[in-house]
């Protein structure tokens, strides 16, 4: 924690001439961009994996027709097919999993009053009028139209726009990849509910931004925006 706090402070010092009092917030955005840049090769691999899994759908449908009454045999055949085609069904999860430690590190860093036995100086940094260690509920105490309230309003607008883009991308991808069917042609149990909820997943980011410290919210907003642009490019 203390090492990471020092890194944020140094980045903030470097960005001070450009961003003034909001330099620490800018350093978090820069840190997030660096994390996403490091994870980008895995995102590209995940996109290739998604396209490869899409290409396998006719073969998987044939396996369902062949082994639909024997779930264990069907599962084994599908896994063998993925192994034969060198396609990992879990590849798409890796970019998100590898980013989780960075998010939780920021969350704890800006939720702690002390770091290494000393007062946490990072809590004094702000994004315009909003302290990086406070949450939306803290901003509301000064009023929705207060300085901190307007900062959060701006973040919610950005997240809403990105979520709308994510919704459109999800709908487009689902239209290009029809839901799996069981042997008799009926939709597999539970899959209909998943496909209905999936396009709205992007909007859950609004909840995250509202309940975490502003510093962690900045990470989420920056990462979500990066993801939307990345998906638009990689899955076009």
Protein backbone atom coordinates (compact mmCIF):
# COMPACT_ATOMS: atom_id res chain seq x y z
CA UNK A 1 0.00 0.00 0.00
CA UNK A 2 2.74 2.49 0.95
CA UNK A 3 4.67 1.70 -2.24
CA UNK A 4 1.59 2.27 -4.35
CA UNK A 5 0.76 5.47 -2.46
CA UNK A 6 4.27 6.74 -3.22
CA UNK A 7 3.77 5.89 -6.91
CA UNK A 8 0.53 7.88 -7.04
CA UNK A 9 2.17 10.81 -5.28
CA UNK A 10 5.10 10.82 -7.73
CA UNK A 11 2.76 10.66 -10.71
CA UNK A 12 0.74 13.52 -9.21
CA UNK A 13 3.92 15.59 -8.80
CA UNK A 14 4.78 15.02 -12.46
CA UNK A 15 1.31 16.03 -13.60
CA UNK A 16 1.01 19.00 -11.22
CA UNK A 17 2.05 21.64 -13.82
CA UNK A 18 -0.71 20.45 -16.18
CA UNK A 19 -3.58 19.61 -13.80
CA UNK A 20 -2.91 21.63 -10.67
CA UNK A 21 -5.00 20.52 -7.68
CA UNK A 22 -6.49 17.65 -9.71
CA UNK A 23 -3.07 16.13 -10.47
CA UNK A 24 -3.68 13.08 -8.22
CA UNK A 25 -6.96 12.38 -10.05
CA UNK A 26 -5.12 12.68 -13.37
CA UNK A 27 -2.47 10.26 -12.07
CA UNK A 28 -5.20 7.68 -11.34
CA UNK A 29 -6.54 8.05 -14.88
CA UNK A 30 -2.99 7.63 -16.23
CA UNK A 31 -2.39 4.61 -13.99
CA UNK A 32 -5.64 3.04 -15.23
CA UNK A 33 -4.62 3.62 -18.84
CA UNK A 34 -1.26 1.96 -18.18
CA UNK A 35 -2.97 -1.06 -16.61
CA UNK A 36 -5.34 -1.36 -19.57
CA UNK A 37 -2.43 -1.01 -21.98
CA UNK A 38 -0.63 -3.89 -20.27
CA UNK A 39 -3.79 -6.02 -20.41
CA UNK A 40 -4.55 -5.09 -24.03
CA UNK A 41 -2.75 -8.12 -25.56
CA UNK A 42 -5.05 -10.37 -23.51
CA UNK A 43 -8.06 -8.35 -24.68
CA UNK A 44 -7.00 -8.90 -28.28
CA UNK A 45 -6.59 -12.61 -27.57
CA UNK A 46 -10.04 -12.65 -25.97
CA UNK A 47 -11.53 -11.02 -29.08
CA UNK A 48 -9.87 -13.60 -31.31
CA UNK A 49 -11.18 -16.31 -28.97
CA UNK A 50 -14.70 -14.91 -29.19
CA UNK A 51 -14.56 -14.95 -32.97
CA UNK A 52 -13.20 -18.49 -32.90
CA UNK A 53 -15.97 -19.61 -30.54
CA UNK A 54 -18.51 -18.05 -32.90
CA UNK A 55 -17.04 -20.05 -35.77
CA UNK A 56 -17.43 -23.22 -33.67
CA UNK A 57 -21.17 -22.74 -33.10
CA UNK A 58 -22.27 -24.94 -36.03
CA UNK A 59 -20.08 -27.80 -34.76
CA UNK A 60 -21.35 -27.33 -31.20
CA UNK A 61 -24.93 -27.35 -32.46
CA UNK A 62 -24.18 -30.65 -34.19
CA UNK A 63 -22.78 -32.06 -30.95
CA UNK A 64 -25.96 -31.00 -29.13
CA UNK A 65 -28.07 -32.80 -31.69
CA UNK A 66 -25.88 -35.87 -31.32
CA UNK A 67 -25.47 -35.94 -27.52
CA UNK A 68 -28.42 -33.83 -26.34
CA UNK A 69 -29.76 -36.61 -24.14
CA UNK A 70 -26.41 -37.28 -22.47
CA UNK A 71 -25.21 -34.05 -20.77
CA UNK A 72 -21.93 -35.55 -19.52
CA UNK A 73 -20.99 -36.84 -22.96
CA UNK A 74 -22.01 -33.52 -24.51
CA UNK A 75 -19.85 -31.54 -22.08
CA UNK A 76 -16.87 -33.78 -22.73
CA UNK A 77 -17.33 -33.51 -26.51
CA UNK A 78 -17.58 -29.70 -26.36
CA UNK A 79 -14.42 -29.44 -24.24
CA UNK A 80 -12.59 -31.76 -26.63
CA UNK A 81 -13.69 -29.60 -29.54
CA UNK A 82 -12.35 -26.46 -27.85
CA UNK A 83 -9.05 -28.22 -27.11
CA UNK A 84 -8.79 -29.51 -30.68
CA UNK A 85 -9.40 -26.02 -32.10
CA UNK A 86 -7.12 -24.44 -29.44
CA UNK A 87 -9.94 -22.19 -28.21
CA UNK A 88 -10.26 -21.44 -24.50
CA UNK A 89 -13.84 -20.86 -23.28
CA UNK A 90 -12.43 -18.80 -20.36
CA UNK A 91 -10.09 -16.51 -22.33
CA UNK A 92 -12.54 -13.63 -22.21
CA UNK A 93 -12.45 -13.56 -18.39
CA UNK A 94 -8.69 -12.97 -18.05
CA UNK A 95 -8.56 -9.20 -18.81
CA UNK A 96 -11.18 -8.47 -16.15
CA UNK A 97 -9.62 -10.77 -13.56
CA UNK A 98 -6.16 -9.22 -13.99
CA UNK A 99 -7.55 -5.71 -13.47
CA UNK A 100 -9.32 -6.57 -10.22
CA UNK A 101 -6.19 -6.25 -7.99
CA UNK A 102 -5.54 -2.69 -9.25
CA UNK A 103 -9.13 -1.67 -8.49
CA UNK A 104 -9.10 -3.15 -4.97
CA UNK A 105 -5.71 -1.58 -4.29
CA UNK A 106 -7.08 1.85 -5.16
CA UNK A 107 -10.23 1.16 -3.17
CA UNK A 108 -8.31 0.30 0.01
CA UNK A 109 -5.75 3.07 -0.55
CA UNK A 110 -8.43 5.75 -0.58
CA UNK A 111 -10.53 4.12 2.15
CA UNK A 112 -7.72 4.03 4.73
CA UNK A 113 -7.06 6.87 7.14
CA UNK A 114 -3.47 5.74 7.65
CA UNK A 115 -0.78 4.14 5.47
CA UNK A 116 2.27 2.57 7.09
CA UNK A 117 1.31 4.04 10.43
CA UNK A 118 1.13 7.59 9.10
CA UNK A 119 -1.80 9.78 8.04
CA UNK A 120 -2.95 9.08 4.50
CA UNK A 121 -1.99 12.26 2.65
CA UNK A 122 -3.76 11.09 -0.51
CA UNK A 123 -7.13 11.74 1.09
CA UNK A 124 -6.43 15.48 0.82
CA UNK A 125 -6.32 15.35 -2.99
CA UNK A 126 -9.36 16.31 -5.04
CA UNK A 127 -10.94 16.16 -8.46
CA UNK A 128 -12.00 19.78 -8.75
CA UNK A 129 -14.19 20.23 -5.62
CA UNK A 130 -14.61 16.52 -4.79
CA UNK A 131 -12.16 14.77 -2.37
CA UNK A 132 -10.80 11.54 -3.85
CA UNK A 133 -11.49 9.63 -0.65
CA UNK A 134 -15.18 10.50 -0.40
CA UNK A 135 -18.20 8.77 -1.92
CA UNK A 136 -21.30 10.01 -3.70
CA UNK A 137 -23.33 9.97 -0.48
CA UNK A 138 -20.73 12.34 1.03
CA UNK A 139 -21.03 14.65 -1.98
CA UNK A 140 -24.82 14.76 -1.56
CA UNK A 141 -24.49 16.23 1.93
CA UNK A 142 -23.44 19.49 0.30
CA UNK A 143 -26.31 19.34 -2.20
CA UNK A 144 -26.73 17.88 -5.66
CA UNK A 145 -25.60 21.16 -7.24
CA UNK A 146 -22.56 21.57 -4.99
CA UNK A 147 -19.09 21.35 -6.49
CA UNK A 148 -18.65 17.73 -5.45
CA UNK A 149 -22.20 16.89 -6.55
CA UNK A 150 -21.53 18.29 -10.02
CA UNK A 151 -18.33 16.24 -10.30
CA UNK A 152 -20.32 13.08 -9.66
CA UNK A 153 -23.04 14.25 -12.06
CA UNK A 154 -20.38 14.54 -14.75
CA UNK A 155 -19.10 11.04 -13.98
CA UNK A 156 -22.64 9.61 -14.14
CA UNK A 157 -23.16 11.25 -17.54
CA UNK A 158 -19.94 9.71 -18.85
CA UNK A 159 -20.83 6.29 -17.44
CA UNK A 160 -24.35 6.53 -18.88
CA UNK A 161 -23.01 7.31 -22.36
CA UNK A 162 -20.46 4.50 -22.15
CA UNK A 163 -23.12 2.09 -20.85
CA UNK A 164 -25.40 3.00 -23.77
CA UNK A 165 -22.54 2.25 -26.17
CA UNK A 166 -21.89 -1.04 -24.34
CA UNK A 167 -25.59 -1.90 -24.60
CA UNK A 168 -25.56 -1.37 -28.37
CA UNK A 169 -22.38 -3.42 -28.77
CA UNK A 170 -23.82 -6.28 -26.68
CA UNK A 171 -27.04 -6.29 -28.68
CA UNK A 172 -25.07 -6.31 -31.93
CA UNK A 173 -22.85 -9.18 -30.77
CA UNK A 174 -25.83 -11.20 -29.56
CA UNK A 175 -27.62 -10.65 -32.88
CA UNK A 176 -24.54 -11.95 -34.68
CA UNK A 177 -24.33 -14.95 -32.31
CA UNK A 178 -27.79 -16.48 -31.80
CA UNK A 179 -28.40 -18.23 -28.49
CA UNK A 180 -27.55 -21.88 -28.23
CA UNK A 181 -30.28 -24.39 -28.85
CA UNK A 182 -30.87 -27.76 -27.28
CA UNK A 183 -31.32 -30.92 -29.30
CA UNK A 184 -35.03 -30.44 -29.90
CA UNK A 185 -34.59 -26.84 -31.05
CA UNK A 186 -35.74 -25.28 -27.77
CA UNK A 187 -33.58 -22.73 -25.99
CA UNK A 188 -31.30 -24.15 -23.33
CA UNK A 189 -32.67 -23.73 -19.76
CA UNK A 190 -31.70 -20.45 -18.12
CA UNK A 191 -30.00 -19.07 -21.22
CA UNK A 192 -32.94 -16.87 -22.17
CA UNK A 193 -32.72 -14.95 -18.89
CA UNK A 194 -28.97 -14.51 -19.33
CA UNK A 195 -29.31 -13.14 -22.85
CA UNK A 196 -31.99 -10.69 -21.72
CA UNK A 197 -29.88 -9.36 -18.83
CA UNK A 198 -26.50 -9.31 -20.59
CA UNK A 199 -26.98 -6.06 -22.58
CA UNK A 200 -27.83 -4.20 -19.36
CA UNK A 201 -24.66 -5.27 -17.53
CA UNK A 202 -22.88 -2.09 -18.61
CA UNK A 203 -25.32 0.02 -16.57
CA UNK A 204 -24.28 -1.74 -13.34
CA UNK A 205 -21.17 0.45 -13.46
CA UNK A 206 -23.37 3.32 -12.28
CA UNK A 207 -23.92 1.49 -8.99
CA UNK A 208 -20.20 0.88 -8.54
CA UNK A 209 -19.36 4.55 -9.15
CA UNK A 210 -21.95 5.58 -6.57
CA UNK A 211 -20.69 3.41 -3.69
CA UNK A 212 -16.87 3.43 -3.94
CA UNK A 213 -14.43 6.25 -3.11
CA UNK A 214 -14.05 8.77 -5.93
CA UNK A 215 -10.51 7.56 -6.70
CA UNK A 216 -11.79 4.01 -7.29
CA UNK A 217 -14.75 5.44 -9.25
CA UNK A 218 -12.27 7.21 -11.54
CA UNK A 219 -10.56 3.89 -12.15
CA UNK A 220 -13.90 2.25 -12.99
CA UNK A 221 -15.00 5.07 -15.31
CA UNK A 222 -11.67 5.16 -17.16
CA UNK A 223 -11.47 1.38 -17.46
CA UNK A 224 -15.10 1.07 -18.60
CA UNK A 225 -14.59 3.76 -21.24
CA UNK A 226 -11.44 2.01 -22.45
CA UNK A 227 -13.34 -1.29 -22.62
CA UNK A 228 -16.16 0.20 -24.70
CA UNK A 229 -13.75 1.72 -27.22
CA UNK A 230 -11.71 -1.49 -27.26
CA UNK A 231 -14.76 -3.64 -27.91
CA UNK A 232 -15.97 -1.33 -30.67
CA UNK A 233 -12.61 -1.72 -32.41
CA UNK A 234 -11.81 -5.39 -31.73
CA UNK A 235 -15.30 -6.80 -32.33
CA UNK A 236 -16.21 -4.75 -35.39
